[in-house]
Each structure stands twice: as C-alpha cells, then as structure tokens.
Amino acid sequence: MTEFITRFAPSPTGFLHLGHAYSALYAYDAARAANGRLHLRIEDIDRTRCKPDFETAIIEDLNWLGIEWDEPLLRQSQRFDAYHSALARLREKNIVYRCFKTRKEVAKAAAQAPHLGADGPEGPQYVGAPLSDGEENDLLEKGAAYAWRLSLARARDALGGDFSKLIFHEEGRGPQGERGSIAATPEIFGDPVIARKDFGTSYHLSSVIDDAAQNITHVIRGEDLFAATHLHRLLQALLDLPTPRYRHHRLITDENGRRFAKRDQAVTLRALRDNGATPADIRRRVGLA
C-alpha cells in the first residue's frame, strides 16, 4: 500500500486565522487517520509580502494547535533553482512564451475574442502568441516587465491524444460537489501565467514541483483552489511528474457567510489565544471537535 503523505502550505503574509486552522487540522487528522505523514511547506516566493515574523507566528500557532509535521520544513524561497529548471524544460519544449501585455491590455484583448471569456479562474481567458525575436529583444533591452505564459495550443500539440485523457481523482468535493474521476480542462485558464520576470515562478509551477519533491500522495486544500487542479494536472503531464490524489474541503466562513481573511485580526489564532481560547475551542469552532 502507498504511504499517505500530505502537506499544509501557508504563505507567511499575515497571521493564521480560523480558515487556516481548519485546513491545517483537517490535513493533520487525515494523515494521522491513515498512519501517514504531514509536511509543512512555507510558500514564500513573494519576497515583498512574505515576512520572517509571520513564518515564526505560523510555526507557533501550529505548535499551539498540537500539529506535528515531518522535518525538514520546506521553504519555497530556497528552491528557485528547481523552479527555474522546470521553466527551462518547458521552454525547451517550446510551449511557453513571454507576454509583455499589462493586465489592462490582457483584459481588452480577451474582450475582443468572443470565443473566450472574462471569467476564467484568474481573470480573462487570454490566449496569445510569442512576439518576433526582434520585438522581444527590443523590449528585453528596455527592461520591460513580462510574464511567462503556457501556450495551451502548444501544450495540446505536445501531448497529442493524451491531452484529452488528462484526469485527476477528487476524494473530497469541489465547489459544485465534484467528486471521483474528473476530466481536466486546463483550457478554462486560457494561456495561464506560470512565472514572472520578478519571481521566476508562480504558485502553480512551484506547487506541482514541490508536491513531487515532497512525494505528496494526497493534496488537501480548500475548495477555492479546486480550479487550479485542472492546470496542475497539465503541468504534471508536461513535466513528467506524478499525480497525487486530491481532497478539497469546504471553506470556513463567518456568520455572514464571508471567508475569513488575514486582515480580520479578530479571528487570527494569535488573537483568539490571547483572549483565552484553547486548541479544543478552535477545533469546536471549525467543526473538527
């Protein structure tokens, strides 16, 4: 039987709140129930928003909740070489291109393409193409900002008939109750951004690379990331990476049905702890008592 290995992967851009507590406890309980392992991954590729103090607070909060994880802890900020290598492989396959358009220009281009939509998982379903060598070199010499986009058309050509056979297995539930064997439809993103000039990677690229590096067998995360799975399945196929099983879970909301956010200091674990809450109180409040 394959060992059960999952992960909790917060970004240190603020203090953990009740929604994070639910996700971390859910993953921890699943690992314990399967006699498996839990890894902790700090997703800190955004060096402008991620702060060491928030990472320290994350570890304090998880220890307070009684969550244990296998060492070593993985920090994405220490793994840019791995992400650059993956991007280089995609460049060698000629399925990524530099896109120099601004967000406004992307929205305008998508609006002029009636067969696409403005409501992709991350905004307009933009589909573009590489510039000529001359145009690109001119912009690079000027220091223009750009994003690396994955060409869905070239990805489809690269995979051939396997493109339409891409599936992933959902053990939890998607936003519409999706469950079981699900056909991957990465085209809902248009040509997605998988890296940027300033970061050299993206959540999508680094996530699939690190899931493989940590031998993750079960990805457990909120249903707000369900759509990302369609793109992650494509990246796994293009990079010859294993495909874990997925277990998306409900999102914890306040009495008005709104998702908790890091800016809402009243529901951070630090504030609740300072006001006398116990780990058992947190479990009851998120429905995991």
Protein backbone atom coordinates (compact mmCIF):
# COMPACT_ATOMS: atom_id res chain seq x y z
CA MET A 1 0.00 0.00 0.00
CA THR A 2 1.28 3.50 -0.89
CA GLU A 3 2.18 5.61 2.11
CA PHE A 4 -0.15 8.55 2.77
CA ILE A 5 1.77 11.85 2.59
CA THR A 6 0.09 15.24 2.61
CA ARG A 7 1.06 18.83 3.35
CA PHE A 8 -0.04 22.15 4.82
CA ALA A 9 1.31 25.03 2.75
CA PRO A 10 0.65 28.52 4.15
CA SER A 11 2.09 31.79 2.88
CA PRO A 12 3.70 33.99 5.56
CA THR A 13 1.89 37.18 4.54
CA GLY A 14 -0.07 37.53 7.78
CA PHE A 15 -1.21 35.65 10.87
CA LEU A 16 -3.09 32.37 10.55
CA HIS A 17 -6.86 32.61 11.06
CA LEU A 18 -9.67 30.14 11.65
CA GLY A 19 -9.77 29.11 7.99
CA HIS A 20 -6.11 28.16 8.13
CA ALA A 21 -6.70 26.30 11.37
CA TYR A 22 -9.40 24.20 9.74
CA SER A 23 -7.22 23.33 6.76
CA ALA A 24 -4.18 22.50 8.88
CA LEU A 25 -6.17 20.39 11.34
CA TYR A 26 -8.05 18.67 8.51
CA ALA A 27 -4.78 17.65 6.84
CA TYR A 28 -3.19 16.63 10.15
CA ASP A 29 -6.18 14.49 11.12
CA ALA A 30 -6.21 12.84 7.68
CA ALA A 31 -2.52 11.96 7.96
CA ARG A 32 -2.97 10.51 11.44
CA ALA A 33 -6.04 8.51 10.41
CA ALA A 34 -4.04 6.96 7.55
CA ASN A 35 -0.96 6.41 9.72
CA GLY A 36 0.78 8.71 7.27
CA ARG A 37 2.85 11.86 7.30
CA LEU A 38 2.27 15.61 7.15
CA HIS A 39 4.79 18.05 5.67
CA LEU A 40 4.92 21.77 6.31
CA ARG A 41 5.70 23.96 3.31
CA ILE A 42 6.21 27.70 3.61
CA GLU A 43 5.10 29.25 0.32
CA ASP A 44 7.18 32.43 0.42
CA ILE A 45 8.06 33.09 -3.21
CA ASP A 46 6.64 36.64 -2.94
CA ARG A 47 9.55 38.24 -1.09
CA THR A 48 7.82 41.64 -0.93
CA ARG A 49 4.78 40.40 1.04
CA CYS A 50 6.19 37.41 2.94
CA LYS A 51 7.84 38.22 6.27
CA PRO A 52 10.01 36.10 8.62
CA ASP A 53 7.93 37.24 11.59
CA PHE A 54 4.82 35.74 10.03
CA GLU A 55 6.64 32.44 9.42
CA THR A 56 7.63 32.38 13.08
CA ALA A 57 4.00 33.04 14.03
CA ILE A 58 2.79 30.22 11.76
CA ILE A 59 5.06 27.73 13.50
CA GLU A 60 3.99 29.00 16.93
CA ASP A 61 0.31 28.67 16.02
CA LEU A 62 0.69 25.16 14.63
CA ASN A 63 2.62 24.05 17.71
CA TRP A 64 -0.10 25.53 19.90
CA LEU A 65 -2.77 23.59 17.98
CA GLY A 66 -0.79 20.40 18.63
CA ILE A 67 0.02 19.80 14.96
CA GLU A 68 3.21 17.87 14.24
CA TRP A 69 4.95 17.60 10.90
CA ASP A 70 7.87 15.76 9.40
CA GLU A 71 11.15 17.57 9.06
CA PRO A 72 12.68 19.19 7.19
CA LEU A 73 10.39 22.15 6.68
CA LEU A 74 10.40 23.28 3.03
CA ARG A 75 10.72 26.97 2.17
CA GLN A 76 9.97 27.85 -1.42
CA SER A 77 12.28 30.86 -1.25
CA GLN A 78 15.16 28.37 -1.09
CA ARG A 79 14.06 26.41 -4.17
CA PHE A 80 14.17 28.87 -7.06
CA ASP A 81 16.77 26.74 -8.82
CA ALA A 82 14.24 23.90 -9.02
CA TYR A 83 11.55 26.21 -10.42
CA HIS A 84 13.93 27.77 -12.93
CA SER A 85 14.93 24.29 -14.07
CA ALA A 86 11.28 23.33 -14.60
CA LEU A 87 10.63 26.53 -16.55
CA ALA A 88 13.71 25.80 -18.68
CA ARG A 89 12.29 22.38 -19.53
CA LEU A 90 9.04 23.97 -20.67
CA ARG A 91 10.99 26.50 -22.74
CA GLU A 92 12.93 23.66 -24.36
CA LYS A 93 9.60 22.09 -25.33
CA ASN A 94 8.64 25.45 -26.88
CA ILE A 95 5.34 25.61 -25.03
CA VAL A 96 5.85 28.83 -23.07
CA TYR A 97 6.30 32.38 -24.28
CA ARG A 98 6.99 35.83 -22.85
CA CYS A 99 3.90 38.01 -22.63
CA PHE A 100 4.58 41.74 -22.23
CA LYS A 101 0.94 42.86 -22.06
CA THR A 102 -0.33 44.71 -18.99
CA ARG A 103 -3.40 43.48 -17.11
CA LYS A 104 -5.47 46.18 -18.85
CA GLU A 105 -4.20 45.11 -22.26
CA VAL A 106 -4.91 41.45 -21.48
CA ALA A 107 -8.48 42.30 -20.45
CA LYS A 108 -9.00 44.31 -23.65
CA ALA A 109 -7.60 41.50 -25.84
CA ALA A 110 -9.80 38.91 -24.14
CA ALA A 111 -12.87 41.12 -24.57
CA GLN A 112 -12.22 41.24 -28.30
CA ALA A 113 -12.18 37.44 -28.56
CA PRO A 114 -15.84 36.31 -28.39
CA HIS A 115 -14.90 32.62 -28.14
CA LEU A 116 -13.10 33.31 -24.86
CA GLY A 117 -14.41 34.67 -21.59
CA ALA A 118 -13.62 37.20 -18.91
CA ASP A 119 -14.40 34.82 -16.08
CA GLY A 120 -11.53 32.35 -16.02
CA PRO A 121 -10.25 31.18 -12.62
CA GLU A 122 -7.71 34.01 -12.61
CA GLY A 123 -9.41 36.59 -14.80
CA PRO A 124 -9.71 36.88 -18.58
CA GLN A 125 -9.07 33.73 -20.60
CA TYR A 126 -6.34 35.37 -22.60
CA VAL A 127 -4.74 33.47 -25.47
CA GLY A 128 -1.67 35.00 -27.08
CA ALA A 129 1.47 34.18 -29.00
CA PRO A 130 5.18 34.95 -28.79
CA LEU A 131 6.50 38.14 -30.34
CA SER A 132 9.04 38.14 -33.10
CA ASP A 133 12.65 37.86 -31.96
CA GLY A 134 13.25 41.49 -32.86
CA GLU A 135 10.26 42.81 -30.93
CA GLU A 136 11.04 40.66 -27.91
CA ASN A 137 14.73 41.59 -27.81
CA ASP A 138 13.84 45.28 -28.06
CA LEU A 139 11.51 45.04 -25.05
CA LEU A 140 14.01 43.00 -23.05
CA GLU A 141 16.72 45.58 -23.68
CA LYS A 142 14.36 48.25 -22.35
CA GLY A 143 13.81 46.20 -19.18
CA ALA A 144 10.10 45.71 -19.83
CA ALA A 145 8.13 43.56 -17.41
CA TYR A 146 6.76 40.27 -18.69
CA ALA A 147 5.09 37.06 -17.64
CA TRP A 148 5.80 33.56 -18.89
CA ARG A 149 2.58 32.12 -20.28
CA LEU A 150 1.93 28.49 -21.07
CA SER A 151 0.54 28.09 -24.59
CA LEU A 152 -2.44 25.76 -24.34
CA ALA A 153 -2.33 25.16 -28.09
CA ARG A 154 1.31 24.05 -27.99
CA ALA A 155 0.72 22.02 -24.83
CA ARG A 156 -2.10 20.22 -26.60
CA ASP A 157 0.17 19.51 -29.55
CA ALA A 158 2.97 18.30 -27.27
CA LEU A 159 0.72 15.79 -25.51
CA GLY A 160 -1.24 14.74 -28.58
CA GLY A 161 -4.11 12.41 -27.78
CA ASP A 162 -3.10 12.28 -24.12
CA PHE A 163 -4.26 15.88 -23.65
CA SER A 164 -7.93 14.93 -23.77
CA LYS A 165 -7.30 11.98 -21.44
CA LEU A 166 -5.95 14.04 -18.53
CA ILE A 167 -7.87 13.30 -15.34
CA PHE A 168 -7.47 13.74 -11.60
CA HIS A 169 -9.16 11.96 -8.71
CA GLU A 170 -11.12 14.02 -6.21
CA GLU A 171 -11.69 12.40 -2.81
CA GLY A 172 -13.25 15.47 -1.21
CA ARG A 173 -15.55 17.82 -3.05
CA GLY A 174 -15.28 20.71 -5.44
CA PRO A 175 -17.36 23.90 -5.23
CA GLN A 176 -20.19 22.22 -7.16
CA GLY A 177 -19.89 18.90 -5.35
CA GLU A 178 -17.43 17.44 -7.89
CA ARG A 179 -16.07 14.10 -6.79
CA GLY A 180 -14.38 10.99 -8.19
CA SER A 181 -12.58 10.82 -11.53
CA ILE A 182 -12.67 14.27 -13.15
CA ALA A 183 -11.58 15.24 -16.65
CA ALA A 184 -9.01 18.02 -16.51
CA THR A 185 -9.95 21.12 -18.52
CA PRO A 186 -6.96 23.47 -18.27
CA GLU A 187 -8.33 25.49 -21.17
CA ILE A 188 -10.53 27.33 -18.66
CA PHE A 189 -7.42 29.41 -17.89
CA GLY A 190 -6.66 30.43 -21.47
CA ASP A 191 -2.86 30.74 -21.65
CA PRO A 192 -2.05 30.83 -17.92
CA VAL A 193 0.81 32.71 -16.31
CA ILE A 194 3.23 30.20 -14.81
CA ALA A 195 6.15 32.53 -14.00
CA ARG A 196 7.03 36.21 -13.95
CA LYS A 197 10.17 38.19 -14.63
CA ASP A 198 10.45 39.30 -11.00
CA PHE A 199 9.60 35.94 -9.32
CA GLY A 200 10.74 33.40 -11.91
CA THR A 201 7.89 31.12 -10.88
CA SER A 202 4.25 31.13 -9.79
CA TYR A 203 2.03 29.38 -7.30
CA HIS A 204 1.06 26.88 -10.00
CA LEU A 205 4.56 25.93 -11.09
CA SER A 206 6.14 25.85 -7.64
CA SER A 207 3.23 23.89 -6.18
CA VAL A 208 3.47 20.98 -8.62
CA ILE A 209 7.27 20.92 -8.41
CA ASP A 210 7.21 20.81 -4.61
CA ASP A 211 4.41 18.25 -4.40
CA ALA A 212 6.62 15.94 -6.43
CA ALA A 213 9.76 16.80 -4.43
CA GLN A 214 7.98 16.02 -1.15
CA ASN A 215 6.41 12.83 -2.54
CA ILE A 216 2.92 14.12 -1.76
CA THR A 217 0.31 11.44 -2.36
CA HIS A 218 -2.72 13.49 -1.26
CA VAL A 219 -3.14 17.22 -1.81
CA ILE A 220 -5.51 18.55 0.84
CA ARG A 221 -6.62 22.18 0.45
CA GLY A 222 -9.65 24.47 0.29
CA GLU A 223 -12.21 24.21 -2.48
CA ASP A 224 -11.22 27.71 -3.64
CA LEU A 225 -8.18 26.02 -5.23
CA PHE A 226 -10.19 23.32 -6.98
CA ALA A 227 -9.97 25.04 -10.38
CA ALA A 228 -6.18 25.20 -10.09
CA THR A 229 -6.10 21.40 -10.15
CA HIS A 230 -7.02 21.42 -13.85
CA LEU A 231 -3.89 23.42 -14.65
CA HIS A 232 -1.72 21.48 -12.19
CA ARG A 233 -2.69 18.22 -13.88
CA LEU A 234 -1.48 19.61 -17.21
CA LEU A 235 1.83 20.79 -15.73
CA GLN A 236 2.36 17.36 -14.18
CA ALA A 237 1.90 15.74 -17.58
CA LEU A 238 4.21 18.19 -19.35
CA LEU A 239 6.95 17.81 -16.72
CA ASP A 240 6.58 14.05 -16.24
CA LEU A 241 5.60 14.44 -12.58
CA PRO A 242 3.44 12.06 -10.53
CA THR A 243 -0.21 12.94 -9.97
CA PRO A 244 -1.37 12.92 -6.36
CA ARG A 245 -4.95 12.40 -5.32
CA TYR A 246 -6.89 15.50 -4.31
CA ARG A 247 -9.09 16.20 -1.34
CA HIS A 248 -10.60 19.67 -1.41
CA HIS A 249 -12.58 20.78 1.61
CA ARG A 250 -15.18 23.38 2.48
CA LEU A 251 -14.20 26.90 3.44
CA ILE A 252 -14.78 28.26 6.92
CA THR A 253 -16.89 31.43 6.92
CA ASP A 254 -18.22 33.94 9.44
CA GLU A 255 -21.84 34.35 10.47
CA ASN A 256 -22.46 36.37 7.30
CA GLY A 257 -21.05 33.69 5.04
CA ARG A 258 -17.86 35.60 4.30
CA ARG A 259 -14.49 33.87 4.11
CA PHE A 260 -12.02 34.76 6.80
CA ALA A 261 -9.11 36.94 5.73
CA LYS A 262 -5.72 37.73 7.26
CA ARG A 263 -6.74 41.37 7.60
CA ASP A 264 -9.50 40.36 10.05
CA GLN A 265 -7.38 40.38 13.18
CA ALA A 266 -10.28 39.28 15.42
CA VAL A 267 -10.19 35.73 14.07
CA THR A 268 -6.45 35.20 13.94
CA LEU A 269 -5.26 32.33 16.08
CA ARG A 270 -2.94 34.70 17.92
CA ALA A 271 -5.81 36.99 18.93
CA LEU A 272 -8.06 34.10 19.91
CA ARG A 273 -5.29 32.56 22.00
CA ASP A 274 -4.63 35.89 23.73
CA ASN A 275 -8.34 36.08 24.56
CA GLY A 276 -8.23 32.70 26.33
CA ALA A 277 -9.20 30.26 23.57
CA THR A 278 -7.77 26.74 23.77
CA PRO A 279 -6.89 24.35 20.92
CA ALA A 280 -10.04 22.40 21.82
CA ASP A 281 -12.08 25.62 21.43
CA ILE A 282 -10.63 26.12 17.95
CA ARG A 283 -11.49 22.55 16.95
CA ARG A 284 -15.07 23.01 18.11
CA ARG A 285 -15.40 26.36 16.38
CA VAL A 286 -14.30 24.94 12.99
CA GLY A 287 -16.31 21.74 13.36
CA LEU A 288 -13.47 19.30 13.98
CA ALA A 289 -14.04 18.53 17.66
